[in-house]
């Protein structure tokens, strides 16, 4: 994983509603388990956040973005 990939979930401008992302939900912070979904709403107001931008997925789950998934699945 490159430094760019590691930081992309911390920048609000890199995340748009409709984007596919991997999030880490609060209850999964200890294990680091990621959940994949589509962003419905961006919940973090600041431009950056050191632990990742908080989003709500279309299925209602909430977590911080760990990685943005590109259309080719990477």
N, C-alpha and C. Protein backbone atom coordinates (compact mmCIF):
# COMPACT_ATOMS: atom_id res chain seq x y z
N UNK A 1 0.85 -1.18 0.00
CA UNK A 1 0.00 0.00 0.00
C UNK A 1 0.90 1.24 0.00
N UNK A 2 0.65 2.14 -0.89
CA UNK A 2 1.45 3.35 -0.99
C UNK A 2 0.98 4.38 0.03
N UNK A 3 1.80 5.40 0.25
CA UNK A 3 1.43 6.46 1.17
C UNK A 3 0.16 7.15 0.69
N UNK A 4 -0.01 7.32 -0.60
CA UNK A 4 -1.22 7.94 -1.15
C UNK A 4 -2.45 7.16 -0.73
N UNK A 5 -2.42 5.84 -0.86
CA UNK A 5 -3.57 5.03 -0.50
C UNK A 5 -3.86 5.11 0.99
N UNK A 6 -2.82 5.18 1.81
CA UNK A 6 -3.00 5.23 3.25
C UNK A 6 -3.64 6.54 3.70
N UNK A 7 -3.40 7.63 2.98
CA UNK A 7 -3.91 8.93 3.37
C UNK A 7 -5.21 9.32 2.69
N UNK A 8 -5.63 8.60 1.67
CA UNK A 8 -6.78 9.05 0.88
C UNK A 8 -8.08 9.11 1.69
N UNK A 9 -8.26 8.27 2.68
CA UNK A 9 -9.46 8.29 3.49
C UNK A 9 -9.50 9.42 4.50
N UNK A 10 -8.42 10.17 4.61
CA UNK A 10 -8.33 11.28 5.56
C UNK A 10 -8.67 12.63 4.93
N UNK A 11 -8.86 12.66 3.63
CA UNK A 11 -9.10 13.90 2.89
C UNK A 11 -10.54 13.94 2.39
N UNK A 12 -11.32 14.88 2.90
CA UNK A 12 -12.75 14.97 2.57
C UNK A 12 -12.97 15.18 1.06
N UNK A 13 -12.08 15.93 0.42
CA UNK A 13 -12.24 16.22 -1.01
C UNK A 13 -12.10 14.98 -1.89
N UNK A 14 -11.45 13.94 -1.38
CA UNK A 14 -11.24 12.72 -2.16
C UNK A 14 -12.46 11.79 -2.12
N UNK A 15 -13.43 12.10 -1.25
CA UNK A 15 -14.58 11.22 -1.03
C UNK A 15 -15.85 11.91 -1.52
N UNK A 16 -16.62 11.21 -2.32
CA UNK A 16 -17.87 11.76 -2.86
C UNK A 16 -19.01 10.79 -2.61
N UNK A 17 -20.23 11.28 -2.40
CA UNK A 17 -21.37 10.36 -2.34
C UNK A 17 -21.42 9.52 -3.62
N UNK A 18 -21.69 8.24 -3.46
CA UNK A 18 -21.70 7.32 -4.59
C UNK A 18 -20.41 6.56 -4.77
N UNK A 19 -19.35 6.99 -4.07
CA UNK A 19 -18.05 6.30 -4.16
C UNK A 19 -18.09 5.00 -3.38
N UNK A 20 -17.37 4.00 -3.87
CA UNK A 20 -17.20 2.75 -3.14
C UNK A 20 -15.99 2.89 -2.24
N UNK A 21 -16.18 2.55 -0.96
CA UNK A 21 -15.11 2.71 0.02
C UNK A 21 -15.08 1.52 0.97
N UNK A 22 -13.95 1.33 1.63
CA UNK A 22 -13.84 0.44 2.76
C UNK A 22 -13.83 1.32 4.00
N UNK A 23 -14.70 1.00 4.97
CA UNK A 23 -14.74 1.75 6.21
C UNK A 23 -14.38 0.83 7.37
N UNK A 24 -14.00 1.45 8.47
CA UNK A 24 -13.83 0.73 9.72
C UNK A 24 -14.87 1.29 10.68
N UNK A 25 -15.80 0.44 11.09
CA UNK A 25 -16.83 0.84 12.02
C UNK A 25 -16.24 0.92 13.44
N UNK A 26 -16.87 1.70 14.30
CA UNK A 26 -16.35 1.91 15.65
C UNK A 26 -16.09 0.59 16.38
N UNK A 27 -17.03 -0.35 16.28
CA UNK A 27 -16.86 -1.62 16.98
C UNK A 27 -15.75 -2.49 16.40
N UNK A 28 -15.27 -2.15 15.20
CA UNK A 28 -14.21 -2.92 14.55
C UNK A 28 -12.84 -2.24 14.63
N UNK A 29 -12.74 -1.13 15.36
CA UNK A 29 -11.48 -0.40 15.43
C UNK A 29 -10.36 -1.26 15.99
N UNK A 30 -10.65 -2.08 16.99
CA UNK A 30 -9.61 -2.92 17.58
C UNK A 30 -9.06 -3.95 16.63
N UNK A 31 -9.94 -4.56 15.85
CA UNK A 31 -9.52 -5.62 14.92
C UNK A 31 -9.08 -5.07 13.57
N UNK A 32 -9.56 -3.86 13.22
CA UNK A 32 -9.23 -3.29 11.91
C UNK A 32 -10.08 -3.87 10.79
N UNK A 33 -11.13 -4.62 11.13
CA UNK A 33 -12.01 -5.22 10.11
C UNK A 33 -12.64 -4.14 9.25
N UNK A 34 -12.54 -4.31 7.94
CA UNK A 34 -13.08 -3.33 7.00
C UNK A 34 -14.42 -3.81 6.45
N UNK A 35 -15.28 -2.85 6.16
CA UNK A 35 -16.59 -3.10 5.58
C UNK A 35 -16.69 -2.28 4.30
N UNK A 36 -17.04 -2.92 3.19
CA UNK A 36 -17.12 -2.22 1.91
C UNK A 36 -18.55 -1.78 1.65
N UNK A 37 -18.69 -0.57 1.09
CA UNK A 37 -20.01 -0.07 0.76
C UNK A 37 -19.92 1.20 -0.06
N UNK A 38 -21.09 1.76 -0.34
CA UNK A 38 -21.20 2.97 -1.15
C UNK A 38 -21.59 4.13 -0.26
N UNK A 39 -20.87 5.24 -0.40
CA UNK A 39 -21.10 6.42 0.44
C UNK A 39 -22.45 7.05 0.10
N UNK A 40 -23.26 7.25 1.14
CA UNK A 40 -24.51 7.99 1.01
C UNK A 40 -24.30 9.43 1.44
N UNK A 41 -23.56 9.60 2.56
CA UNK A 41 -23.42 10.94 3.15
C UNK A 41 -22.07 11.04 3.85
N UNK A 42 -21.44 12.20 3.73
CA UNK A 42 -20.19 12.49 4.44
C UNK A 42 -20.57 13.18 5.75
N UNK A 43 -20.13 12.62 6.87
CA UNK A 43 -20.51 13.12 8.18
C UNK A 43 -19.47 14.05 8.81
N UNK A 44 -18.21 13.94 8.42
CA UNK A 44 -17.15 14.80 8.95
C UNK A 44 -17.22 16.14 8.25
N UNK A 45 -17.23 17.22 9.03
CA UNK A 45 -17.29 18.56 8.45
C UNK A 45 -15.92 19.13 8.08
N UNK A 46 -14.87 18.73 8.79
CA UNK A 46 -13.55 19.29 8.51
C UNK A 46 -12.98 18.68 7.22
N UNK A 47 -12.02 19.38 6.64
CA UNK A 47 -11.43 18.93 5.37
C UNK A 47 -10.59 17.67 5.52
N UNK A 48 -9.97 17.49 6.69
CA UNK A 48 -9.17 16.29 6.93
C UNK A 48 -9.46 15.78 8.34
N UNK A 49 -9.18 14.50 8.55
CA UNK A 49 -9.29 13.92 9.88
C UNK A 49 -8.21 12.84 10.00
N UNK A 50 -7.43 12.84 11.08
CA UNK A 50 -6.32 11.89 11.19
C UNK A 50 -6.72 10.42 11.22
N UNK A 51 -7.96 10.12 11.61
CA UNK A 51 -8.41 8.72 11.67
C UNK A 51 -9.30 8.34 10.49
N UNK A 52 -9.50 9.25 9.57
CA UNK A 52 -10.35 8.98 8.41
C UNK A 52 -11.64 9.78 8.48
N UNK A 53 -12.16 10.11 7.32
CA UNK A 53 -13.41 10.87 7.21
C UNK A 53 -14.57 9.93 7.56
N UNK A 54 -15.47 10.39 8.41
CA UNK A 54 -16.62 9.57 8.82
C UNK A 54 -17.72 9.72 7.77
N UNK A 55 -18.27 8.56 7.35
CA UNK A 55 -19.32 8.54 6.33
C UNK A 55 -20.44 7.60 6.75
N UNK A 56 -21.61 7.79 6.14
CA UNK A 56 -22.72 6.85 6.25
C UNK A 56 -22.85 6.16 4.90
N UNK A 57 -22.90 4.84 4.91
CA UNK A 57 -23.09 4.08 3.68
C UNK A 57 -24.58 3.99 3.35
N UNK A 58 -24.90 3.61 2.12
CA UNK A 58 -26.30 3.55 1.71
C UNK A 58 -27.10 2.52 2.51
N UNK A 59 -26.43 1.55 3.14
CA UNK A 59 -27.15 0.58 3.97
C UNK A 59 -27.28 1.05 5.42
N UNK A 60 -26.80 2.28 5.72
CA UNK A 60 -26.96 2.85 7.05
C UNK A 60 -25.78 2.69 7.97
N UNK A 61 -24.82 1.85 7.62
CA UNK A 61 -23.65 1.68 8.49
C UNK A 61 -22.80 2.94 8.46
N UNK A 62 -22.15 3.23 9.60
CA UNK A 62 -21.33 4.43 9.75
C UNK A 62 -19.93 4.00 10.15
N UNK A 63 -18.93 4.64 9.55
CA UNK A 63 -17.54 4.36 9.92
C UNK A 63 -16.61 5.36 9.26
N UNK A 64 -15.33 5.19 9.56
CA UNK A 64 -14.31 6.07 8.99
C UNK A 64 -13.68 5.41 7.77
N UNK A 65 -13.47 6.20 6.72
CA UNK A 65 -12.94 5.66 5.47
C UNK A 65 -11.49 5.21 5.66
N UNK A 66 -11.25 3.94 5.36
CA UNK A 66 -9.90 3.38 5.40
C UNK A 66 -9.28 3.42 4.00
N UNK A 67 -10.12 3.24 2.96
CA UNK A 67 -9.62 3.21 1.59
C UNK A 67 -10.75 3.51 0.63
N UNK A 68 -10.41 4.24 -0.41
CA UNK A 68 -11.35 4.50 -1.51
C UNK A 68 -11.08 3.45 -2.57
N UNK A 69 -12.13 2.77 -3.02
CA UNK A 69 -11.99 1.71 -4.00
C UNK A 69 -12.22 2.30 -5.40
N UNK A 70 -11.23 2.14 -6.24
CA UNK A 70 -11.34 2.65 -7.61
C UNK A 70 -12.24 1.73 -8.44
N UNK A 71 -12.76 2.22 -9.57
CA UNK A 71 -13.67 1.40 -10.38
C UNK A 71 -13.09 0.04 -10.79
N UNK A 72 -11.76 -0.08 -10.89
CA UNK A 72 -11.16 -1.37 -11.28
C UNK A 72 -11.02 -2.31 -10.08
N UNK A 73 -11.52 -1.88 -8.89
CA UNK A 73 -11.52 -2.75 -7.72
C UNK A 73 -10.30 -2.63 -6.83
N UNK A 74 -9.41 -1.67 -7.13
CA UNK A 74 -8.19 -1.53 -6.31
C UNK A 74 -8.30 -0.39 -5.34
